[in-house]
Amino acid sequence: MESFFGHMKDEIDYRQCPTFDELKLLVDEYIYEYNNHRYQWNLKRMTPALYRSHLIAA
């Protein structure tokens, strides 16, 4: 979790959001991108969603 939040703080510009709703939308978009499109070296170079599917199928 710590590495996720570290990456999130580095990769999104959360200071640009004037309202909480805009910040929430930005974080939700980042989480979707992270889980479905960002490959992780520690997960055998799969996205978290692909890795979960891989574990369930095994």
C-alpha atoms as a PDB file:
ATOM      1  CA  MET A   1       0.000   0.000   0.000  1.00  0.00           C
ATOM      2  CA  GLU A   2       2.807   2.409   0.776  1.00  0.00           C
ATOM      3  CA  SER A   3       4.315   2.028  -2.680  1.00  0.00           C
ATOM      4  CA  PHE A   4       0.883   2.529  -4.285  1.00  0.00           C
ATOM      5  CA  PHE A   5       0.346   5.810  -2.460  1.00  0.00           C
ATOM      6  CA  GLY A   6       3.901   6.889  -3.215  1.00  0.00           C
ATOM      7  CA  HIS A   7       3.363   6.274  -6.935  1.00  0.00           C
ATOM      8  CA  MET A   8      -0.031   7.975  -6.840  1.00  0.00           C
ATOM      9  CA  LYS A   9       1.354  11.114  -5.220  1.00  0.00           C
ATOM     10  CA  ASP A  10       4.161  11.224  -7.788  1.00  0.00           C
ATOM     11  CA  GLU A  11       1.989  10.590 -10.837  1.00  0.00           C
ATOM     12  CA  ILE A  12      -1.127  12.723 -10.284  1.00  0.00           C
ATOM     13  CA  ASP A  13      -1.354  16.433  -9.674  1.00  0.00           C
ATOM     14  CA  TYR A  14      -3.769  16.376  -6.755  1.00  0.00           C
ATOM     15  CA  ARG A  15      -3.055  20.002  -5.857  1.00  0.00           C
ATOM     16  CA  GLN A  16      -4.835  21.199  -8.996  1.00  0.00           C
ATOM     17  CA  CYS A  17      -8.224  19.989  -7.713  1.00  0.00           C
ATOM     18  CA  PRO A  18     -10.251  22.856  -6.268  1.00  0.00           C
ATOM     19  CA  THR A  19     -13.035  20.609  -4.917  1.00  0.00           C
ATOM     20  CA  PHE A  20     -13.181  17.308  -3.099  1.00  0.00           C
ATOM     21  CA  ASP A  21     -15.382  15.819  -5.839  1.00  0.00           C
ATOM     22  CA  GLU A  22     -12.741  16.567  -8.484  1.00  0.00           C
ATOM     23  CA  LEU A  23     -10.064  15.012  -6.279  1.00  0.00           C
ATOM     24  CA  LYS A  24     -12.202  11.926  -5.768  1.00  0.00           C
ATOM     25  CA  LEU A  25     -12.694  11.587  -9.538  1.00  0.00           C
ATOM     26  CA  LEU A  26      -8.950  11.975 -10.160  1.00  0.00           C
ATOM     27  CA  VAL A  27      -8.118   9.301  -7.567  1.00  0.00           C
ATOM     28  CA  ASP A  28     -10.792   6.939  -8.939  1.00  0.00           C
ATOM     29  CA  GLU A  29      -9.381   7.325 -12.457  1.00  0.00           C
ATOM     30  CA  TYR A  30      -5.869   6.662 -11.194  1.00  0.00           C
ATOM     31  CA  ILE A  31      -6.931   3.530  -9.318  1.00  0.00           C
ATOM     32  CA  TYR A  32      -8.674   2.196 -12.435  1.00  0.00           C
ATOM     33  CA  GLU A  33      -5.585   2.913 -14.565  1.00  0.00           C
ATOM     34  CA  TYR A  34      -3.269   1.355 -11.953  1.00  0.00           C
ATOM     35  CA  ASN A  35      -5.318  -1.837 -11.646  1.00  0.00           C
ATOM     36  CA  ASN A  36      -6.083  -2.390 -15.315  1.00  0.00           C
ATOM     37  CA  HIS A  37      -3.321  -0.851 -17.426  1.00  0.00           C
ATOM     38  CA  ARG A  38      -0.148  -0.443 -15.352  1.00  0.00           C
ATOM     39  CA  TYR A  39       2.107  -3.487 -15.467  1.00  0.00           C
ATOM     40  CA  GLN A  40       3.864  -4.450 -12.236  1.00  0.00           C
ATOM     41  CA  TRP A  41       7.279  -6.123 -12.153  1.00  0.00           C
ATOM     42  CA  ASN A  42       6.463  -7.833  -8.852  1.00  0.00           C
ATOM     43  CA  LEU A  43       3.352  -9.422 -10.382  1.00  0.00           C
ATOM     44  CA  LYS A  44       5.184 -11.252 -13.180  1.00  0.00           C
ATOM     45  CA  ARG A  45       4.845  -8.166 -15.410  1.00  0.00           C
ATOM     46  CA  MET A  46       1.033  -8.302 -15.298  1.00  0.00           C
ATOM     47  CA  THR A  47      -1.493  -5.732 -14.242  1.00  0.00           C
ATOM     48  CA  PRO A  48      -3.068  -6.341 -10.815  1.00  0.00           C
ATOM     49  CA  ALA A  49      -6.348  -7.333 -12.522  1.00  0.00           C
ATOM     50  CA  LEU A  50      -4.591  -9.841 -14.804  1.00  0.00           C
ATOM     51  CA  TYR A  51      -2.626 -11.246 -11.878  1.00  0.00           C
ATOM     52  CA  ARG A  52      -5.808 -11.815  -9.848  1.00  0.00           C
ATOM     53  CA  SER A  53      -7.367 -13.615 -12.821  1.00  0.00           C
ATOM     54  CA  HIS A  54      -4.210 -15.678 -13.188  1.00  0.00           C
ATOM     55  CA  LEU A  55      -4.347 -16.736  -9.526  1.00  0.00           C
ATOM     56  CA  ILE A  56      -8.043 -17.603  -9.655  1.00  0.00           C
ATOM     57  CA  ALA A  57      -7.554 -19.738 -12.786  1.00  0.00           C
ATOM     58  CA  ALA A  58      -4.679 -21.672 -11.229  1.00  0.00           C
END
